[in-house]
mmCIF file of all heavy atoms, coordinates in Angstrom:
data_MODEL
# 
_entry.id   MODEL 
# 
loop_
_atom_site.group_PDB 
_atom_site.id 
_atom_site.type_symbol 
_atom_site.label_atom_id 
_atom_site.label_alt_id 
_atom_site.label_comp_id 
_atom_site.label_asym_id 
_atom_site.label_entity_id 
_atom_site.label_seq_id 
_atom_site.pdbx_PDB_ins_code 
_atom_site.Cartn_x 
_atom_site.Cartn_y 
_atom_site.Cartn_z 
_atom_site.occupancy 
_atom_site.B_iso_or_equiv 
_atom_site.pdbx_formal_charge 
_atom_site.auth_seq_id 
_atom_site.auth_comp_id 
_atom_site.auth_asym_id 
_atom_site.auth_atom_id 
_atom_site.pdbx_PDB_model_num 
ATOM 1   N N   . GLY A 1 1  ? 90.126  117.719 104.460 1.00 0.00 ? 1  GLY A N   1 
ATOM 2   C CA  . GLY A 1 1  ? 89.427  118.693 103.617 1.00 0.00 ? 1  GLY A CA  1 
ATOM 3   C C   . GLY A 1 1  ? 89.805  120.089 104.070 1.00 0.00 ? 1  GLY A C   1 
ATOM 4   O O   . GLY A 1 1  ? 90.975  120.404 104.247 1.00 0.00 ? 1  GLY A O   1 
ATOM 5   N N   . ALA A 1 2  ? 88.802  120.913 104.318 1.00 0.00 ? 2  ALA A N   1 
ATOM 6   C CA  . ALA A 1 2  ? 89.051  122.292 104.749 1.00 0.00 ? 2  ALA A CA  1 
ATOM 7   C C   . ALA A 1 2  ? 89.099  122.419 106.264 1.00 0.00 ? 2  ALA A C   1 
ATOM 8   O O   . ALA A 1 2  ? 89.295  123.516 106.776 1.00 0.00 ? 2  ALA A O   1 
ATOM 9   C CB  . ALA A 1 2  ? 87.968  123.209 104.188 1.00 0.00 ? 2  ALA A CB  1 
ATOM 10  N N   . GLN A 1 3  ? 88.917  121.312 106.984 1.00 0.00 ? 3  GLN A N   1 
ATOM 11  C CA  . GLN A 1 3  ? 88.888  121.364 108.453 1.00 0.00 ? 3  GLN A CA  1 
ATOM 12  C C   . GLN A 1 3  ? 90.150  120.779 109.066 1.00 0.00 ? 3  GLN A C   1 
ATOM 13  O O   . GLN A 1 3  ? 90.817  119.934 108.471 1.00 0.00 ? 3  GLN A O   1 
ATOM 14  C CB  . GLN A 1 3  ? 87.708  120.559 109.005 1.00 0.00 ? 3  GLN A CB  1 
ATOM 15  C CG  . GLN A 1 3  ? 86.423  121.293 109.032 1.00 0.00 ? 3  GLN A CG  1 
ATOM 16  C CD  . GLN A 1 3  ? 85.407  120.565 109.914 1.00 0.00 ? 3  GLN A CD  1 
ATOM 17  O OE1 . GLN A 1 3  ? 85.582  119.427 110.312 1.00 0.00 ? 3  GLN A OE1 1 
ATOM 18  N NE2 . GLN A 1 3  ? 84.334  121.261 110.211 1.00 0.00 ? 3  GLN A NE2 1 
ATOM 19  N N   . THR A 1 4  ? 90.410  121.221 110.285 1.00 0.00 ? 4  THR A N   1 
ATOM 20  C CA  . THR A 1 4  ? 91.460  120.610 111.086 1.00 0.00 ? 4  THR A CA  1 
ATOM 21  C C   . THR A 1 4  ? 90.790  119.688 112.093 1.00 0.00 ? 4  THR A C   1 
ATOM 22  O O   . THR A 1 4  ? 89.836  120.084 112.764 1.00 0.00 ? 4  THR A O   1 
ATOM 23  C CB  . THR A 1 4  ? 92.275  121.688 111.831 1.00 0.00 ? 4  THR A CB  1 
ATOM 24  O OG1 . THR A 1 4  ? 92.868  122.563 110.857 1.00 0.00 ? 4  THR A OG1 1 
ATOM 25  C CG2 . THR A 1 4  ? 93.365  121.065 112.684 1.00 0.00 ? 4  THR A CG2 1 
ATOM 26  N N   . TRP A 1 5  ? 91.260  118.461 112.141 1.00 0.00 ? 5  TRP A N   1 
ATOM 27  C CA  . TRP A 1 5  ? 90.795  117.501 113.136 1.00 0.00 ? 5  TRP A CA  1 
ATOM 28  C C   . TRP A 1 5  ? 91.927  117.282 114.127 1.00 0.00 ? 5  TRP A C   1 
ATOM 29  O O   . TRP A 1 5  ? 93.105  117.250 113.764 1.00 0.00 ? 5  TRP A O   1 
ATOM 30  C CB  . TRP A 1 5  ? 90.425  116.177 112.502 1.00 0.00 ? 5  TRP A CB  1 
ATOM 31  C CG  . TRP A 1 5  ? 89.188  116.182 111.661 1.00 0.00 ? 5  TRP A CG  1 
ATOM 32  C CD1 . TRP A 1 5  ? 88.473  117.271 111.229 1.00 0.00 ? 5  TRP A CD1 1 
ATOM 33  C CD2 . TRP A 1 5  ? 88.525  115.039 111.126 1.00 0.00 ? 5  TRP A CD2 1 
ATOM 34  N NE1 . TRP A 1 5  ? 87.410  116.867 110.465 1.00 0.00 ? 5  TRP A NE1 1 
ATOM 35  C CE2 . TRP A 1 5  ? 87.413  115.504 110.391 1.00 0.00 ? 5  TRP A CE2 1 
ATOM 36  C CE3 . TRP A 1 5  ? 88.756  113.678 111.199 1.00 0.00 ? 5  TRP A CE3 1 
ATOM 37  C CZ2 . TRP A 1 5  ? 86.543  114.634 109.734 1.00 0.00 ? 5  TRP A CZ2 1 
ATOM 38  C CZ3 . TRP A 1 5  ? 87.891  112.817 110.545 1.00 0.00 ? 5  TRP A CZ3 1 
ATOM 39  C CH2 . TRP A 1 5  ? 86.790  113.301 109.831 1.00 0.00 ? 5  TRP A CH2 1 
ATOM 40  N N   . PHE A 1 6  ? 91.564  117.096 115.383 1.00 0.00 ? 6  PHE A N   1 
ATOM 41  C CA  . PHE A 1 6  ? 92.518  116.786 116.435 1.00 0.00 ? 6  PHE A CA  1 
ATOM 42  C C   . PHE A 1 6  ? 92.350  115.315 116.769 1.00 0.00 ? 6  PHE A C   1 
ATOM 43  O O   . PHE A 1 6  ? 91.234  114.850 117.018 1.00 0.00 ? 6  PHE A O   1 
ATOM 44  C CB  . PHE A 1 6  ? 92.296  117.712 117.631 1.00 0.00 ? 6  PHE A CB  1 
ATOM 45  C CG  . PHE A 1 6  ? 92.545  119.143 117.250 1.00 0.00 ? 6  PHE A CG  1 
ATOM 46  C CD1 . PHE A 1 6  ? 91.506  119.940 116.781 1.00 0.00 ? 6  PHE A CD1 1 
ATOM 47  C CD2 . PHE A 1 6  ? 93.825  119.669 117.279 1.00 0.00 ? 6  PHE A CD2 1 
ATOM 48  C CE1 . PHE A 1 6  ? 91.735  121.240 116.368 1.00 0.00 ? 6  PHE A CE1 1 
ATOM 49  C CE2 . PHE A 1 6  ? 94.071  120.973 116.858 1.00 0.00 ? 6  PHE A CE2 1 
ATOM 50  C CZ  . PHE A 1 6  ? 93.018  121.759 116.408 1.00 0.00 ? 6  PHE A CZ  1 
ATOM 51  N N   . VAL A 1 7  ? 93.461  114.583 116.703 1.00 0.00 ? 7  VAL A N   1 
ATOM 52  C CA  . VAL A 1 7  ? 93.441  113.127 116.796 1.00 0.00 ? 7  VAL A CA  1 
ATOM 53  C C   . VAL A 1 7  ? 94.223  112.678 118.020 1.00 0.00 ? 7  VAL A C   1 
ATOM 54  O O   . VAL A 1 7  ? 95.334  113.158 118.273 1.00 0.00 ? 7  VAL A O   1 
ATOM 55  C CB  . VAL A 1 7  ? 94.054  112.503 115.520 1.00 0.00 ? 7  VAL A CB  1 
ATOM 56  C CG1 . VAL A 1 7  ? 94.071  110.986 115.601 1.00 0.00 ? 7  VAL A CG1 1 
ATOM 57  C CG2 . VAL A 1 7  ? 93.315  112.983 114.274 1.00 0.00 ? 7  VAL A CG2 1 
ATOM 58  N N   . TRP A 1 8  ? 93.623  111.759 118.774 1.00 0.00 ? 8  TRP A N   1 
ATOM 59  C CA  . TRP A 1 8  ? 94.267  111.118 119.925 1.00 0.00 ? 8  TRP A CA  1 
ATOM 60  C C   . TRP A 1 8  ? 94.400  109.648 119.630 1.00 0.00 ? 8  TRP A C   1 
ATOM 61  O O   . TRP A 1 8  ? 93.461  109.042 119.133 1.00 0.00 ? 8  TRP A O   1 
ATOM 62  C CB  . TRP A 1 8  ? 93.396  111.278 121.173 1.00 0.00 ? 8  TRP A CB  1 
ATOM 63  C CG  . TRP A 1 8  ? 93.347  112.642 121.744 1.00 0.00 ? 8  TRP A CG  1 
ATOM 64  C CD1 . TRP A 1 8  ? 94.081  113.116 122.810 1.00 0.00 ? 8  TRP A CD1 1 
ATOM 65  C CD2 . TRP A 1 8  ? 92.501  113.725 121.344 1.00 0.00 ? 8  TRP A CD2 1 
ATOM 66  N NE1 . TRP A 1 8  ? 93.734  114.415 123.057 1.00 0.00 ? 8  TRP A NE1 1 
ATOM 67  C CE2 . TRP A 1 8  ? 92.766  114.816 122.176 1.00 0.00 ? 8  TRP A CE2 1 
ATOM 68  C CE3 . TRP A 1 8  ? 91.540  113.874 120.346 1.00 0.00 ? 8  TRP A CE3 1 
ATOM 69  C CZ2 . TRP A 1 8  ? 92.116  116.028 122.054 1.00 0.00 ? 8  TRP A CZ2 1 
ATOM 70  C CZ3 . TRP A 1 8  ? 90.890  115.074 120.212 1.00 0.00 ? 8  TRP A CZ3 1 
ATOM 71  C CH2 . TRP A 1 8  ? 91.174  116.137 121.061 1.00 0.00 ? 8  TRP A CH2 1 
ATOM 72  N N   . PRO A 1 9  ? 95.526  109.035 119.911 1.00 0.00 ? 9  PRO A N   1 
ATOM 73  C CA  . PRO A 1 9  ? 96.780  109.639 120.319 1.00 0.00 ? 9  PRO A CA  1 
ATOM 74  C C   . PRO A 1 9  ? 97.480  110.271 119.116 1.00 0.00 ? 9  PRO A C   1 
ATOM 75  O O   . PRO A 1 9  ? 97.162  109.966 117.972 1.00 0.00 ? 9  PRO A O   1 
ATOM 76  C CB  . PRO A 1 9  ? 97.591  108.446 120.841 1.00 0.00 ? 9  PRO A CB  1 
ATOM 77  C CG  . PRO A 1 9  ? 97.125  107.299 120.011 1.00 0.00 ? 9  PRO A CG  1 
ATOM 78  C CD  . PRO A 1 9  ? 95.652  107.568 119.776 1.00 0.00 ? 9  PRO A CD  1 
ATOM 79  N N   . ASP A 1 10 ? 98.436  111.108 119.400 1.00 0.00 ? 10 ASP A N   1 
ATOM 80  C CA  . ASP A 1 10 ? 99.169  111.788 118.336 1.00 0.00 ? 10 ASP A CA  1 
ATOM 81  C C   . ASP A 1 10 ? 99.833  110.812 117.375 1.00 0.00 ? 10 ASP A C   1 
ATOM 82  O O   . ASP A 1 10 ? 99.943  111.081 116.186 1.00 0.00 ? 10 ASP A O   1 
ATOM 83  C CB  . ASP A 1 10 ? 100.207 112.747 118.922 1.00 0.00 ? 10 ASP A CB  1 
ATOM 84  C CG  . ASP A 1 10 ? 101.212 112.057 119.846 1.00 0.00 ? 10 ASP A CG  1 
ATOM 85  O OD1 . ASP A 1 10 ? 100.948 110.932 120.334 1.00 0.00 ? 10 ASP A OD1 1 
ATOM 86  O OD2 . ASP A 1 10 ? 102.268 112.663 120.112 1.00 0.00 ? 10 ASP A OD2 1 
ATOM 87  N N   . LEU A 1 11 ? 100.240 109.658 117.873 1.00 0.00 ? 11 LEU A N   1 
ATOM 88  C CA  . LEU A 1 11 ? 100.930 108.694 117.019 1.00 0.00 ? 11 LEU A CA  1 
ATOM 89  C C   . LEU A 1 11 ? 100.023 108.074 115.958 1.00 0.00 ? 11 LEU A C   1 
ATOM 90  O O   . LEU A 1 11 ? 100.505 107.523 114.976 1.00 0.00 ? 11 LEU A O   1 
ATOM 91  C CB  . LEU A 1 11 ? 101.584 107.592 117.866 1.00 0.00 ? 11 LEU A CB  1 
ATOM 92  C CG  . LEU A 1 11 ? 102.789 108.051 118.681 1.00 0.00 ? 11 LEU A CG  1 
ATOM 93  C CD1 . LEU A 1 11 ? 103.284 106.941 119.591 1.00 0.00 ? 11 LEU A CD1 1 
ATOM 94  C CD2 . LEU A 1 11 ? 103.901 108.546 117.777 1.00 0.00 ? 11 LEU A CD2 1 
ATOM 95  N N   . ALA A 1 12 ? 98.719  108.180 116.128 1.00 0.00 ? 12 ALA A N   1 
ATOM 96  C CA  . ALA A 1 12 ? 97.811  107.685 115.089 1.00 0.00 ? 12 ALA A CA  1 
ATOM 97  C C   . ALA A 1 12 ? 97.989  108.474 113.800 1.00 0.00 ? 12 ALA A C   1 
ATOM 98  O O   . ALA A 1 12 ? 97.742  107.968 112.712 1.00 0.00 ? 12 ALA A O   1 
ATOM 99  C CB  . ALA A 1 12 ? 96.363  107.765 115.562 1.00 0.00 ? 12 ALA A CB  1 
ATOM 100 N N   . VAL A 1 13 ? 98.455  109.714 113.929 1.00 0.00 ? 13 VAL A N   1 
ATOM 101 C CA  . VAL A 1 13 ? 98.703  110.573 112.767 1.00 0.00 ? 13 VAL A CA  1 
ATOM 102 C C   . VAL A 1 13 ? 100.174 110.538 112.377 1.00 0.00 ? 13 VAL A C   1 
ATOM 103 O O   . VAL A 1 13 ? 100.513 110.358 111.207 1.00 0.00 ? 13 VAL A O   1 
ATOM 104 C CB  . VAL A 1 13 ? 98.286  112.034 113.068 1.00 0.00 ? 13 VAL A CB  1 
ATOM 105 C CG1 . VAL A 1 13 ? 98.704  112.966 111.943 1.00 0.00 ? 13 VAL A CG1 1 
ATOM 106 C CG2 . VAL A 1 13 ? 96.791  112.111 113.309 1.00 0.00 ? 13 VAL A CG2 1 
ATOM 107 N N   . SER A 1 14 ? 101.065 110.688 113.347 1.00 0.00 ? 14 SER A N   1 
ATOM 108 C CA  . SER A 1 14 ? 102.480 110.854 113.013 1.00 0.00 ? 14 SER A CA  1 
ATOM 109 C C   . SER A 1 14 ? 103.226 109.544 112.792 1.00 0.00 ? 14 SER A C   1 
ATOM 110 O O   . SER A 1 14 ? 104.142 109.500 111.982 1.00 0.00 ? 14 SER A O   1 
ATOM 111 C CB  . SER A 1 14 ? 103.190 111.669 114.093 1.00 0.00 ? 14 SER A CB  1 
ATOM 112 O OG  . SER A 1 14 ? 103.147 110.999 115.337 1.00 0.00 ? 14 SER A OG  1 
ATOM 113 N N   . ALA A 1 15 ? 102.844 108.470 113.457 1.00 0.00 ? 15 ALA A N   1 
ATOM 114 C CA  . ALA A 1 15 ? 103.603 107.224 113.331 1.00 0.00 ? 15 ALA A CA  1 
ATOM 115 C C   . ALA A 1 15 ? 103.594 106.655 111.918 1.00 0.00 ? 15 ALA A C   1 
ATOM 116 O O   . ALA A 1 15 ? 104.647 106.227 111.440 1.00 0.00 ? 15 ALA A O   1 
ATOM 117 C CB  . ALA A 1 15 ? 103.115 106.194 114.342 1.00 0.00 ? 15 ALA A CB  1 
ATOM 118 N N   . PRO A 1 16 ? 102.453 106.615 111.204 1.00 0.00 ? 16 PRO A N   1 
ATOM 119 C CA  . PRO A 1 16 ? 102.528 106.069 109.842 1.00 0.00 ? 16 PRO A CA  1 
ATOM 120 C C   . PRO A 1 16 ? 103.513 106.817 108.950 1.00 0.00 ? 16 PRO A C   1 
ATOM 121 O O   . PRO A 1 16 ? 104.276 106.205 108.213 1.00 0.00 ? 16 PRO A O   1 
ATOM 122 C CB  . PRO A 1 16 ? 101.086 106.211 109.321 1.00 0.00 ? 16 PRO A CB  1 
ATOM 123 C CG  . PRO A 1 16 ? 100.252 106.187 110.563 1.00 0.00 ? 16 PRO A CG  1 
ATOM 124 C CD  . PRO A 1 16 ? 101.076 106.909 111.605 1.00 0.00 ? 16 PRO A CD  1 
ATOM 125 N N   . ARG A 1 17 ? 103.510 108.166 109.048 1.00 0.00 ? 17 ARG A N   1 
ATOM 126 C CA  . ARG A 1 17 ? 104.459 108.949 108.243 1.00 0.00 ? 17 ARG A CA  1 
ATOM 127 C C   . ARG A 1 17 ? 105.892 108.704 108.701 1.00 0.00 ? 17 ARG A C   1 
ATOM 128 O O   . ARG A 1 17 ? 106.795 108.589 107.883 1.00 0.00 ? 17 ARG A O   1 
ATOM 129 C CB  . ARG A 1 17 ? 104.118 110.433 108.332 1.00 0.00 ? 17 ARG A CB  1 
ATOM 130 C CG  . ARG A 1 17 ? 102.821 110.790 107.624 1.00 0.00 ? 17 ARG A CG  1 
ATOM 131 C CD  . ARG A 1 17 ? 102.646 112.297 107.550 1.00 0.00 ? 17 ARG A CD  1 
ATOM 132 N NE  . ARG A 1 17 ? 102.599 112.921 108.850 1.00 0.00 ? 17 ARG A NE  1 
ATOM 133 C CZ  . ARG A 1 17 ? 101.532 113.485 109.389 1.00 0.00 ? 17 ARG A CZ  1 
ATOM 134 N NH1 . ARG A 1 17 ? 100.403 113.506 108.728 1.00 0.00 ? 17 ARG A NH1 1 
ATOM 135 N NH2 . ARG A 1 17 ? 101.588 114.042 110.572 1.00 0.00 ? 17 ARG A NH2 1 
ATOM 136 N N   . ALA A 1 18 ? 106.104 108.631 110.011 1.00 0.00 ? 18 ALA A N   1 
ATOM 137 C CA  . ALA A 1 18 ? 107.448 108.425 110.534 1.00 0.00 ? 18 ALA A CA  1 
ATOM 138 C C   . ALA A 1 18 ? 107.971 107.042 110.168 1.00 0.00 ? 18 ALA A C   1 
ATOM 139 O O   . ALA A 1 18 ? 109.140 106.879 109.829 1.00 0.00 ? 18 ALA A O   1 
ATOM 140 C CB  . ALA A 1 18 ? 107.462 108.614 112.052 1.00 0.00 ? 18 ALA A CB  1 
ATOM 141 N N   . ILE A 1 19 ? 107.112 106.029 110.237 1.00 0.00 ? 19 ILE A N   1 
ATOM 142 C CA  . ILE A 1 19 ? 107.529 104.675 109.859 1.00 0.00 ? 19 ILE A CA  1 
ATOM 143 C C   . ILE A 1 19 ? 107.900 104.644 108.386 1.00 0.00 ? 19 ILE A C   1 
ATOM 144 O O   . ILE A 1 19 ? 108.935 104.103 108.006 1.00 0.00 ? 19 ILE A O   1 
ATOM 145 C CB  . ILE A 1 19 ? 106.423 103.644 110.181 1.00 0.00 ? 19 ILE A CB  1 
ATOM 146 C CG1 . ILE A 1 19 ? 106.394 103.383 111.696 1.00 0.00 ? 19 ILE A CG1 1 
ATOM 147 C CG2 . ILE A 1 19 ? 106.638 102.341 109.417 1.00 0.00 ? 19 ILE A CG2 1 
ATOM 148 C CD1 . ILE A 1 19 ? 105.269 102.502 112.168 1.00 0.00 ? 19 ILE A CD1 1 
ATOM 149 N N   . GLU A 1 20 ? 107.055 105.250 107.543 1.00 0.00 ? 20 GLU A N   1 
ATOM 150 C CA  . GLU A 1 20 ? 107.317 105.274 106.102 1.00 0.00 ? 20 GLU A CA  1 
ATOM 151 C C   . GLU A 1 20 ? 108.648 105.964 105.794 1.00 0.00 ? 20 GLU A C   1 
ATOM 152 O O   . GLU A 1 20 ? 109.400 105.530 104.938 1.00 0.00 ? 20 GLU A O   1 
ATOM 153 C CB  . GLU A 1 20 ? 106.178 106.002 105.399 1.00 0.00 ? 20 GLU A CB  1 
ATOM 154 C CG  . GLU A 1 20 ? 106.256 105.939 103.892 1.00 0.00 ? 20 GLU A CG  1 
ATOM 155 C CD  . GLU A 1 20 ? 105.057 106.605 103.257 1.00 0.00 ? 20 GLU A CD  1 
ATOM 156 O OE1 . GLU A 1 20 ? 103.931 106.147 103.506 1.00 0.00 ? 20 GLU A OE1 1 
ATOM 157 O OE2 . GLU A 1 20 ? 105.263 107.593 102.514 1.00 0.00 ? 20 GLU A OE2 1 
ATOM 158 N N   . ALA A 1 21 ? 108.956 107.019 106.527 1.00 0.00 ? 21 ALA A N   1 
ATOM 159 C CA  . ALA A 1 21 ? 110.198 107.765 106.302 1.00 0.00 ? 21 ALA A CA  1 
ATOM 160 C C   . ALA A 1 21 ? 111.381 107.194 107.081 1.00 0.00 ? 21 ALA A C   1 
ATOM 161 O O   . ALA A 1 21 ? 112.491 107.689 106.960 1.00 0.00 ? 21 ALA A O   1 
ATOM 162 C CB  . ALA A 1 21 ? 109.992 109.233 106.698 1.00 0.00 ? 21 ALA A CB  1 
ATOM 163 N N   . GLY A 1 22 ? 111.137 106.165 107.901 1.00 0.00 ? 22 GLY A N   1 
ATOM 164 C CA  . GLY A 1 22 ? 112.207 105.606 108.720 1.00 0.00 ? 22 GLY A CA  1 
ATOM 165 C C   . GLY A 1 22 ? 112.664 106.571 109.796 1.00 0.00 ? 22 GLY A C   1 
ATOM 166 O O   . GLY A 1 22 ? 113.824 106.551 110.198 1.00 0.00 ? 22 GLY A O   1 
ATOM 167 N N   . ALA A 1 23 ? 111.759 107.431 110.267 1.00 0.00 ? 23 ALA A N   1 
ATOM 168 C CA  . ALA A 1 23 ? 112.133 108.500 111.185 1.00 0.00 ? 23 ALA A CA  1 
ATOM 169 C C   . ALA A 1 23 ? 111.496 108.366 112.568 1.00 0.00 ? 23 ALA A C   1 
ATOM 170 O O   . ALA A 1 23 ? 111.377 109.346 113.277 1.00 0.00 ? 23 ALA A O   1 
ATOM 171 C CB  . ALA A 1 23 ? 111.752 109.845 110.577 1.00 0.00 ? 23 ALA A CB  1 
ATOM 172 N N   . LEU A 1 24 ? 111.097 107.181 112.962 1.00 0.00 ? 24 LEU A N   1 
ATOM 173 C CA  . LEU A 1 24 ? 110.491 106.984 114.270 1.00 0.00 ? 24 LEU A CA  1 
ATOM 174 C C   . LEU A 1 24 ? 111.588 106.983 115.336 1.00 0.00 ? 24 LEU A C   1 
ATOM 175 O O   . LEU A 1 24 ? 112.512 106.178 115.273 1.00 0.00 ? 24 LEU A O   1 
ATOM 176 C CB  . LEU A 1 24 ? 109.737 105.653 114.285 1.00 0.00 ? 24 LEU A CB  1 
ATOM 177 C CG  . LEU A 1 24 ? 108.640 105.460 115.289 1.00 0.00 ? 24 LEU A CG  1 
ATOM 178 C CD1 . LEU A 1 24 ? 107.548 106.497 115.113 1.00 0.00 ? 24 LEU A CD1 1 
ATOM 179 C CD2 . LEU A 1 24 ? 108.041 104.070 115.152 1.00 0.00 ? 24 LEU A CD2 1 
ATOM 180 N N   . SER A 1 25 ? 111.513 107.910 116.280 1.00 0.00 ? 25 SER A N   1 
ATOM 181 C CA  . SER A 1 25 ? 112.526 107.968 117.336 1.00 0.00 ? 25 SER A CA  1 
ATOM 182 C C   . SER A 1 25 ? 112.340 106.798 118.297 1.00 0.00 ? 25 SER A C   1 
ATOM 183 O O   . SER A 1 25 ? 111.291 106.136 118.295 1.00 0.00 ? 25 SER A O   1 
ATOM 184 C CB  . SER A 1 25 ? 112.425 109.291 118.094 1.00 0.00 ? 25 SER A CB  1 
ATOM 185 O OG  . SER A 1 25 ? 111.310 109.268 118.965 1.00 0.00 ? 25 SER A OG  1 
ATOM 186 N N   . SER A 1 26 ? 113.314 106.561 119.131 1.00 0.00 ? 26 SER A N   1 
ATOM 187 C CA  . SER A 1 26 ? 113.216 105.463 120.098 1.00 0.00 ? 26 SER A CA  1 
ATOM 188 C C   . SER A 1 26 ? 112.096 105.711 121.110 1.00 0.00 ? 26 SER A C   1 
ATOM 189 O O   . SER A 1 26 ? 111.401 104.779 121.524 1.00 0.00 ? 26 SER A O   1 
ATOM 190 C CB  . SER A 1 26 ? 114.548 105.239 120.812 1.00 0.00 ? 26 SER A CB  1 
ATOM 191 O OG  . SER A 1 26 ? 114.957 106.410 121.470 1.00 0.00 ? 26 SER A OG  1 
ATOM 192 N N   . VAL A 1 27 ? 111.866 106.952 121.480 1.00 0.00 ? 27 VAL A N   1 
ATOM 193 C CA  . VAL A 1 27 ? 110.781 107.282 122.407 1.00 0.00 ? 27 VAL A CA  1 
ATOM 194 C C   . VAL A 1 27 ? 109.436 107.040 121.729 1.00 0.00 ? 27 VAL A C   1 
ATOM 195 O O   . VAL A 1 27 ? 108.520 106.450 122.316 1.00 0.00 ? 27 VAL A O   1 
ATOM 196 C CB  . VAL A 1 27 ? 110.898 108.741 122.912 1.00 0.00 ? 27 VAL A CB  1 
ATOM 197 C CG1 . VAL A 1 27 ? 109.648 109.167 123.650 1.00 0.00 ? 27 VAL A CG1 1 
ATOM 198 C CG2 . VAL A 1 27 ? 112.120 108.885 123.805 1.00 0.00 ? 27 VAL A CG2 1 
ATOM 199 N N   . GLU A 1 28 ? 109.303 107.478 120.477 1.00 0.00 ? 28 GLU A N   1 
ATOM 200 C CA  . GLU A 1 28 ? 108.065 107.249 119.735 1.00 0.00 ? 28 GLU A CA  1 
ATOM 201 C C   . GLU A 1 28 ? 107.815 105.754 119.553 1.00 0.00 ? 28 GLU A C   1 
ATOM 202 O O   . GLU A 1 28 ? 106.686 105.282 119.697 1.00 0.00 ? 28 GLU A O   1 
ATOM 203 C CB  . GLU A 1 28 ? 108.119 107.943 118.373 1.00 0.00 ? 28 GLU A CB  1 
ATOM 204 C CG  . GLU A 1 28 ? 108.064 109.442 118.456 1.00 0.00 ? 28 GLU A CG  1 
ATOM 205 C CD  . GLU A 1 28 ? 108.454 110.107 117.141 1.00 0.00 ? 28 GLU A CD  1 
ATOM 206 O OE1 . GLU A 1 28 ? 109.302 109.564 116.406 1.00 0.00 ? 28 GLU A OE1 1 
ATOM 207 O OE2 . GLU A 1 28 ? 107.902 111.178 116.874 1.00 0.00 ? 28 GLU A OE2 1 
ATOM 208 N N   . ARG A 1 29 ? 108.850 105.020 119.250 1.00 0.00 ? 29 ARG A N   1 
ATOM 209 C CA  . ARG A 1 29 ? 108.710 103.565 119.059 1.00 0.00 ? 29 ARG A CA  1 
ATOM 210 C C   . ARG A 1 29 ? 108.259 102.899 120.357 1.00 0.00 ? 29 ARG A C   1 
ATOM 211 O O   . ARG A 1 29 ? 107.391 102.029 120.342 1.00 0.00 ? 29 ARG A O   1 
ATOM 212 C CB  . ARG A 1 29 ? 110.001 102.950 118.548 1.00 0.00 ? 29 ARG A CB  1 
ATOM 213 C CG  . ARG A 1 29 ? 109.832 101.488 118.179 1.00 0.00 ? 29 ARG A CG  1 
ATOM 214 C CD  . ARG A 1 29 ? 111.020 100.962 117.366 1.00 0.00 ? 29 ARG A CD  1 
ATOM 215 N NE  . ARG A 1 29 ? 110.752 99.645  116.894 1.00 0.00 ? 29 ARG A NE  1 
ATOM 216 C CZ  . ARG A 1 29 ? 110.065 99.338  115.794 1.00 0.00 ? 29 ARG A CZ  1 
ATOM 217 N NH1 . ARG A 1 29 ? 109.599 100.296 115.041 1.00 0.00 ? 29 ARG A NH1 1 
ATOM 218 N NH2 . ARG A 1 29 ? 109.866 98.093  115.431 1.00 0.00 ? 29 ARG A NH2 1 
# 
């Protein structure tokens, strides 16, 4: 919405997008 939330771990936010885009690095994986 209008707020920023901080999420732990970072991969809970970035991994779904990276997996969908096929952009997960070897370190992230």
